[in-house]
PDB file of all heavy atoms in Angstrom:
ATOM      1  N   HIS A   1      49.625  17.504 127.151  1.00  0.00           N
ATOM      2  CA  HIS A   1      48.837  16.372 126.649  1.00  0.00           C
ATOM      3  C   HIS A   1      48.977  15.156 127.569  1.00  0.00           C
ATOM      4  O   HIS A   1      47.984  14.483 127.881  1.00  0.00           O
ATOM      5  CB  HIS A   1      49.297  16.017 125.233  1.00  0.00           C
ATOM      6  CG  HIS A   1      48.647  14.781 124.687  1.00  0.00           C
ATOM      7  ND1 HIS A   1      47.326  14.740 124.302  1.00  0.00           N
ATOM      8  CD2 HIS A   1      49.148  13.525 124.479  1.00  0.00           C
ATOM      9  CE1 HIS A   1      47.031  13.510 123.886  1.00  0.00           C
ATOM     10  NE2 HIS A   1      48.114  12.764 123.991  1.00  0.00           N
ATOM     11  N   LEU A   2      50.198  14.876 128.018  1.00  0.00           N
ATOM     12  CA  LEU A   2      50.429  13.686 128.831  1.00  0.00           C
ATOM     13  C   LEU A   2      49.967  13.863 130.278  1.00  0.00           C
ATOM     14  O   LEU A   2      49.590  12.887 130.931  1.00  0.00           O
ATOM     15  CB  LEU A   2      51.916  13.312 128.797  1.00  0.00           C
ATOM     16  CG  LEU A   2      52.459  12.919 127.418  1.00  0.00           C
ATOM     17  CD1 LEU A   2      53.925  12.527 127.510  1.00  0.00           C
ATOM     18  CD2 LEU A   2      51.646  11.789 126.807  1.00  0.00           C
ATOM     19  N   LEU A   3      50.017  15.084 130.762  1.00  0.00           N
ATOM     20  CA  LEU A   3      49.514  15.337 132.110  1.00  0.00           C
ATOM     21  C   LEU A   3      47.986  15.440 132.126  1.00  0.00           C
ATOM     22  O   LEU A   3      47.338  15.091 133.113  1.00  0.00           O
ATOM     23  CB  LEU A   3      50.105  16.640 132.670  1.00  0.00           C
ATOM     24  CG  LEU A   3      51.577  16.632 133.067  1.00  0.00           C
ATOM     25  CD1 LEU A   3      52.012  18.034 133.483  1.00  0.00           C
ATOM     26  CD2 LEU A   3      51.841  15.642 134.210  1.00  0.00           C
ATOM     27  N   GLY A   4      47.445  15.980 131.032  1.00  0.00           N
ATOM     28  CA  GLY A   4      46.016  16.256 131.009  1.00  0.00           C
ATOM     29  C   GLY A   4      45.696  17.643 131.515  1.00  0.00           C
ATOM     30  O   GLY A   4      44.527  18.015 131.657  1.00  0.00           O
ATOM     31  N   TYR A   5      46.722  18.425 131.785  1.00  0.00           N
ATOM     32  CA  TYR A   5      46.575  19.810 132.245  1.00  0.00           C
ATOM     33  C   TYR A   5      47.908  20.519 132.017  1.00  0.00           C
ATOM     34  O   TYR A   5      48.950  19.870 131.915  1.00  0.00           O
ATOM     35  CB  TYR A   5      46.191  19.871 133.735  1.00  0.00           C
ATOM     36  CG  TYR A   5      47.097  19.068 134.645  1.00  0.00           C
ATOM     37  CD1 TYR A   5      48.280  19.599 135.150  1.00  0.00           C
ATOM     38  CD2 TYR A   5      46.776  17.754 134.989  1.00  0.00           C
ATOM     39  CE1 TYR A   5      49.116  18.868 135.976  1.00  0.00           C
ATOM     40  CE2 TYR A   5      47.607  17.001 135.819  1.00  0.00           C
ATOM     41  CZ  TYR A   5      48.773  17.568 136.308  1.00  0.00           C
ATOM     42  OH  TYR A   5      49.594  16.833 137.116  1.00  0.00           O
ATOM     43  N   PRO A   6      47.914  21.857 131.926  1.00  0.00           N
ATOM     44  CA  PRO A   6      49.176  22.566 131.719  1.00  0.00           C
ATOM     45  C   PRO A   6      50.111  22.392 132.924  1.00  0.00           C
ATOM     46  O   PRO A   6      49.665  22.290 134.075  1.00  0.00           O
ATOM     47  CB  PRO A   6      48.754  24.040 131.583  1.00  0.00           C
ATOM     48  CG  PRO A   6      47.302  23.994 131.235  1.00  0.00           C
ATOM     49  CD  PRO A   6      46.756  22.772 131.921  1.00  0.00           C
ATOM     50  N   TYR A   7      51.396  22.360 132.643  1.00  0.00           N
ATOM     51  CA  TYR A   7      52.377  22.294 133.736  1.00  0.00           C
ATOM     52  C   TYR A   7      52.266  23.552 134.585  1.00  0.00           C
ATOM     53  O   TYR A   7      52.131  24.655 134.058  1.00  0.00           O
ATOM     54  CB  TYR A   7      53.790  22.170 133.175  1.00  0.00           C
ATOM     55  CG  TYR A   7      54.801  21.781 134.236  1.00  0.00           C
ATOM     56  CD1 TYR A   7      54.754  20.522 134.807  1.00  0.00           C
ATOM     57  CD2 TYR A   7      55.769  22.674 134.675  1.00  0.00           C
ATOM     58  CE1 TYR A   7      55.664  20.148 135.789  1.00  0.00           C
ATOM     59  CE2 TYR A   7      56.680  22.306 135.659  1.00  0.00           C
ATOM     60  CZ  TYR A   7      56.610  21.039 136.210  1.00  0.00           C
ATOM     61  OH  TYR A   7      57.506  20.671 137.195  1.00  0.00           O
ATOM     62  N   PHE A   8      52.312  23.382 135.899  1.00  0.00           N
ATOM     63  CA  PHE A   8      52.054  24.530 136.758  1.00  0.00           C
ATOM     64  C   PHE A   8      53.012  24.598 137.943  1.00  0.00           C
ATOM     65  O   PHE A   8      53.653  23.613 138.323  1.00  0.00           O
ATOM     66  CB  PHE A   8      50.604  24.514 137.259  1.00  0.00           C
ATOM     67  CG  PHE A   8      50.304  23.434 138.282  1.00  0.00           C
ATOM     68  CD1 PHE A   8      50.458  23.675 139.636  1.00  0.00           C
ATOM     69  CD2 PHE A   8      49.859  22.183 137.873  1.00  0.00           C
ATOM     70  CE1 PHE A   8      50.183  22.686 140.570  1.00  0.00           C
ATOM     71  CE2 PHE A   8      49.576  21.181 138.805  1.00  0.00           C
ATOM     72  CZ  PHE A   8      49.742  21.442 140.158  1.00  0.00           C
ATOM     73  N   ILE A   9      53.071  25.785 138.518  1.00  0.00           N
ATOM     74  CA  ILE A   9      53.791  26.040 139.759  1.00  0.00           C
ATOM     75  C   ILE A   9      52.789  26.620 140.742  1.00  0.00           C
ATOM     76  O   ILE A   9      52.080  27.585 140.430  1.00  0.00           O
ATOM     77  CB  ILE A   9      54.958  27.042 139.564  1.00  0.00           C
ATOM     78  CG1 ILE A   9      55.951  26.515 138.508  1.00  0.00           C
ATOM     79  CG2 ILE A   9      55.684  27.286 140.873  1.00  0.00           C
ATOM     80  CD1 ILE A   9      55.781  27.150 137.160  1.00  0.00           C
ATOM     81  N   LEU A  10      52.713  26.017 141.906  1.00  0.00           N
ATOM     82  CA  LEU A  10      51.786  26.467 142.943  1.00  0.00           C
ATOM     83  C   LEU A  10      52.601  26.987 144.120  1.00  0.00           C
ATOM     84  O   LEU A  10      53.516  26.314 144.590  1.00  0.00           O
ATOM     85  CB  LEU A  10      50.902  25.302 143.393  1.00  0.00           C
ATOM     86  CG  LEU A  10      49.783  25.602 144.381  1.00  0.00           C
ATOM     87  CD1 LEU A  10      48.686  26.429 143.714  1.00  0.00           C
ATOM     88  CD2 LEU A  10      49.192  24.292 144.929  1.00  0.00           C
ATOM     89  N   GLY A  11      52.293  28.185 144.573  1.00  0.00           N
ATOM     90  CA  GLY A  11      53.062  28.713 145.692  1.00  0.00           C
ATOM     91  C   GLY A  11      52.500  30.006 146.238  1.00  0.00           C
ATOM     92  O   GLY A  11      51.498  30.545 145.752  1.00  0.00           O
ATOM     93  N   GLU A  12      53.176  30.493 147.252  1.00  0.00           N
ATOM     94  CA  GLU A  12      52.766  31.725 147.927  1.00  0.00           C
ATOM     95  C   GLU A  12      53.492  32.912 147.312  1.00  0.00           C
ATOM     96  O   GLU A  12      54.683  32.840 147.019  1.00  0.00           O
ATOM     97  CB  GLU A  12      53.098  31.628 149.417  1.00  0.00           C
ATOM     98  CG  GLU A  12      52.725  32.853 150.227  1.00  0.00           C
ATOM     99  CD  GLU A  12      53.144  32.728 151.682  1.00  0.00           C
ATOM    100  OE1 GLU A  12      53.144  31.599 152.212  1.00  0.00           O
ATOM    101  OE2 GLU A  12      53.495  33.763 152.304  1.00  0.00           O
ATOM    102  N   VAL A  13      52.759  33.987 147.107  1.00  0.00           N
ATOM    103  CA  VAL A  13      53.348  35.190 146.539  1.00  0.00           C
ATOM    104  C   VAL A  13      54.240  35.865 147.577  1.00  0.00           C
ATOM    105  O   VAL A  13      53.807  36.166 148.691  1.00  0.00           O
ATOM    106  CB  VAL A  13      52.258  36.185 146.077  1.00  0.00           C
ATOM    107  CG1 VAL A  13      52.893  37.472 145.552  1.00  0.00           C
ATOM    108  CG2 VAL A  13      51.387  35.537 145.007  1.00  0.00           C
ATOM    109  N   LYS A  14      55.500  36.058 147.197  1.00  0.00           N
ATOM    110  CA  LYS A  14      56.465  36.715 148.093  1.00  0.00           C
ATOM    111  C   LYS A  14      56.898  38.058 147.498  1.00  0.00           C
ATOM    112  O   LYS A  14      56.784  38.289 146.294  1.00  0.00           O
ATOM    113  CB  LYS A  14      57.707  35.818 148.256  1.00  0.00           C
ATOM    114  CG  LYS A  14      57.419  34.430 148.820  1.00  0.00           C
ATOM    115  CD  LYS A  14      57.068  34.491 150.289  1.00  0.00           C
ATOM    116  CE  LYS A  14      56.863  33.086 150.860  1.00  0.00           C
ATOM    117  NZ  LYS A  14      58.100  32.296 150.903  1.00  0.00           N
ATOM    118  N   LYS A  15      57.416  38.903 148.359  1.00  0.00           N
ATOM    119  CA  LYS A  15      57.905  40.194 147.887  1.00  0.00           C
ATOM    120  C   LYS A  15      59.216  40.021 147.133  1.00  0.00           C
ATOM    121  O   LYS A  15      60.105  39.298 147.547  1.00  0.00           O
ATOM    122  CB  LYS A  15      58.106  41.163 149.060  1.00  0.00           C
ATOM    123  CG  LYS A  15      56.810  41.800 149.548  1.00  0.00           C
ATOM    124  CD  LYS A  15      57.068  43.090 150.297  1.00  0.00           C
ATOM    125  CE  LYS A  15      55.749  43.792 150.605  1.00  0.00           C
ATOM    126  NZ  LYS A  15      55.953  45.108 151.236  1.00  0.00           N
ATOM    127  N   GLY A  16      59.314  40.714 146.002  1.00  0.00           N
ATOM    128  CA  GLY A  16      60.546  40.722 145.238  1.00  0.00           C
ATOM    129  C   GLY A  16      61.185  42.090 145.300  1.00  0.00           C
ATOM    130  O   GLY A  16      61.010  42.842 146.262  1.00  0.00           O
ATOM    131  N   LYS A  17      61.904  42.439 144.259  1.00  0.00           N
ATOM    132  CA  LYS A  17      62.587  43.734 144.224  1.00  0.00           C
ATOM    133  C   LYS A  17      61.651  44.864 143.806  1.00  0.00           C
ATOM    134  O   LYS A  17      62.014  46.043 143.879  1.00  0.00           O
ATOM    135  CB  LYS A  17      63.790  43.667 143.276  1.00  0.00           C
ATOM    136  CG  LYS A  17      64.826  42.627 143.695  1.00  0.00           C
ATOM    137  CD  LYS A  17      66.001  42.608 142.741  1.00  0.00           C
ATOM    138  CE  LYS A  17      66.977  41.489 143.115  1.00  0.00           C
ATOM    139  NZ  LYS A  17      67.505  41.604 144.472  1.00  0.00           N
ATOM    140  N   GLN A  18      60.457  44.501 143.331  1.00  0.00           N
ATOM    141  CA  GLN A  18      59.410  45.459 142.936  1.00  0.00           C
ATOM    142  C   GLN A  18      59.869  46.416 141.829  1.00  0.00           C
ATOM    143  O   GLN A  18      59.358  47.525 141.710  1.00  0.00           O
ATOM    144  CB  GLN A  18      58.925  46.249 144.163  1.00  0.00           C
ATOM    145  CG  GLN A  18      58.305  45.352 145.235  1.00  0.00           C
ATOM    146  CD  GLN A  18      57.711  46.125 146.389  1.00  0.00           C
ATOM    147  OE1 GLN A  18      58.390  46.930 147.030  1.00  0.00           O
ATOM    148  NE2 GLN A  18      56.448  45.886 146.668  1.00  0.00           N
ATOM    149  N   ILE A  19      60.799  45.965 141.026  1.00  0.00           N
ATOM    150  CA  ILE A  19      61.284  46.807 139.924  1.00  0.00           C
ATOM    151  C   ILE A  19      60.236  46.893 138.814  1.00  0.00           C
ATOM    152  O   ILE A  19      60.117  47.915 138.131  1.00  0.00           O
ATOM    153  CB  ILE A  19      62.625  46.267 139.399  1.00  0.00           C
ATOM    154  CG1 ILE A  19      63.695  46.459 140.479  1.00  0.00           C
ATOM    155  CG2 ILE A  19      63.046  46.962 138.115  1.00  0.00           C
ATOM    156  CD1 ILE A  19      65.034  45.851 140.145  1.00  0.00           C
ATOM    157  N   GLY A  20      59.423  45.824 138.659  1.00  0.00           N
ATOM    158  CA  GLY A  20      58.394  45.848 137.631  1.00  0.00           C
ATOM    159  C   GLY A  20      57.439  47.017 137.790  1.00  0.00           C
ATOM    160  O   GLY A  20      56.968  47.589 136.801  1.00  0.00           O
ATOM    161  N   ARG A  21      57.160  47.370 139.030  1.00  0.00           N
ATOM    162  CA  ARG A  21      56.251  48.495 139.265  1.00  0.00           C
ATOM    163  C   ARG A  21      56.815  49.792 138.712  1.00  0.00           C
ATOM    164  O   ARG A  21      56.079  50.668 138.257  1.00  0.00           O
ATOM    165  CB  ARG A  21      55.983  48.640 140.761  1.00  0.00           C
ATOM    166  CG  ARG A  21      55.249  47.463 141.375  1.00  0.00           C
ATOM    167  CD  ARG A  21      55.015  47.648 142.866  1.00  0.00           C
ATOM    168  NE  ARG A  21      54.368  46.479 143.432  1.00  0.00           N
ATOM    169  CZ  ARG A  21      53.052  46.267 143.409  1.00  0.00           C
ATOM    170  NH1 ARG A  21      52.271  47.171 142.846  1.00  0.00           N
ATOM    171  NH2 ARG A  21      52.527  45.179 143.938  1.00  0.00           N
ATOM    172  N   THR A  22      58.130  49.926 138.766  1.00  0.00           N
ATOM    173  CA  THR A  22      58.746  51.191 138.326  1.00  0.00           C
ATOM    174  C   THR A  22      58.698  51.365 136.815  1.00  0.00           C
ATOM    175  O   THR A  22      58.856  52.479 136.315  1.00  0.00           O
ATOM    176  CB  THR A  22      60.218  51.268 138.799  1.00  0.00           C
ATOM    177  OG1 THR A  22      60.991  50.287 138.092  1.00  0.00           O
ATOM    178  CG2 THR A  22      60.326  51.030 140.289  1.00  0.00           C
ATOM    179  N   ILE A  23      58.460  50.262 136.088  1.00  0.00           N
ATOM    180  CA  ILE A  23      58.388  50.376 134.626  1.00  0.00           C
ATOM    181  C   ILE A  23      56.974  50.063 134.112  1.00  0.00           C
ATOM    182  O   ILE A  23      56.767  49.804 132.929  1.00  0.00           O
ATOM    183  CB  ILE A  23      59.430  49.466 133.929  1.00  0.00           C
ATOM    184  CG1 ILE A  23      59.238  48.001 134.330  1.00  0.00           C
ATOM    185  CG2 ILE A  23      60.836  49.927 134.259  1.00  0.00           C
ATOM    186  CD1 ILE A  23      60.159  47.044 133.564  1.00  0.00           C
ATOM    187  N   GLY A  24      56.021  50.050 135.032  1.00  0.00           N
ATOM    188  CA  GLY A  24      54.628  49.903 134.629  1.00  0.00           C
ATOM    189  C   GLY A  24      54.148  48.495 134.400  1.00  0.00           C
ATOM    190  O   GLY A  24      53.055  48.297 133.852  1.00  0.00           O
ATOM    191  N   VAL A  25      54.920  47.495 134.823  1.00  0.00           N
ATOM    192  CA  VAL A  25      54.505  46.097 134.658  1.00  0.00           C
ATOM    193  C   VAL A  25      54.732  45.347 135.983  1.00  0.00           C
ATOM    194  O   VAL A  25      55.682  44.574 136.120  1.00  0.00           O
ATOM    195  CB  VAL A  25      55.244  45.393 133.492  1.00  0.00           C
ATOM    196  CG1 VAL A  25      54.637  45.774 132.168  1.00  0.00           C
ATOM    197  CG2 VAL A  25      56.737  45.703 133.502  1.00  0.00           C
ATOM    198  N   PRO A  26      53.880  45.590 136.970  1.00  0.00           N
ATOM    199  CA  PRO A  26      54.046  44.923 138.267  1.00  0.00           C
ATOM    200  C   PRO A  26      53.944  43.411 138.126  1.00  0.00           C
ATOM    201  O   PRO A  26      53.215  42.903 137.268  1.00  0.00           O
ATOM    202  CB  PRO A  26      52.882  45.484 139.092  1.00  0.00           C
ATOM    203  CG  PRO A  26      51.880  45.946 138.086  1.00  0.00           C
ATOM    204  CD  PRO A  26      52.676  46.421 136.917  1.00  0.00           C
ATOM    205  N   THR A  27      54.684  42.709 138.965  1.00  0.00           N
ATOM    206  CA  THR A  27      54.712  41.249 138.904  1.00  0.00           C
ATOM    207  C   THR A  27      54.489  40.649 140.277  1.00  0.00           C
ATOM    208  O   THR A  27      54.663  41.302 141.304  1.00  0.00           O
ATOM    209  CB  THR A  27      56.061  40.745 138.362  1.00  0.00           C
ATOM    210  OG1 THR A  27      57.120  41.172 139.239  1.00  0.00           O
ATOM    211  CG2 THR A  27      56.315  41.259 136.953  1.00  0.00           C
ATOM    212  N   ILE A  28      54.096  39.383 140.270  1.00  0.00           N
ATOM    213  CA  ILE A  28      54.057  38.586 141.493  1.00  0.00           C
ATOM    214  C   ILE A  28      55.190  37.573 141.414  1.00  0.00           C
ATOM    215  O   ILE A  28      55.525  37.079 140.340  1.00  0.00           O
ATOM    216  CB  ILE A  28      52.704  37.878 141.686  1.00  0.00           C
ATOM    217  CG1 ILE A  28      52.425  36.909 140.521  1.00  0.00           C
ATOM    218  CG2 ILE A  28      51.579  38.892 141.836  1.00  0.00           C
ATOM    219  CD1 ILE A  28      51.268  35.967 140.763  1.00  0.00           C
ATOM    220  N   ASN A  29      55.776  37.261 142.551  1.00  0.00           N
ATOM    221  CA  ASN A  29      56.940  36.365 142.601  1.00  0.00           C
ATOM    222  C   ASN A  29      56.636  35.107 143.403  1.00  0.00           C
ATOM    223  O   ASN A  29      56.079  35.185 144.508  1.00  0.00           O
ATOM    224  CB  ASN A  29      58.140  37.072 143.234  1.00  0.00           C
ATOM    225  CG  ASN A  29      58.659  38.209 142.382  1.00  0.00           C
ATOM    226  OD1 ASN A  29      58.315  38.322 141.219  1.00  0.00           O
ATOM    227  ND2 ASN A  29      59.484  39.060 142.962  1.00  0.00           N
TER     228      ASN A  29
END
């Protein structure tokens, strides 16, 4: 409400441990 927009994080997607893929829920880091 005070910002006028949702709080956000802006950044570049980096490689992680890729464990999410092994359980069917891939993620971006």
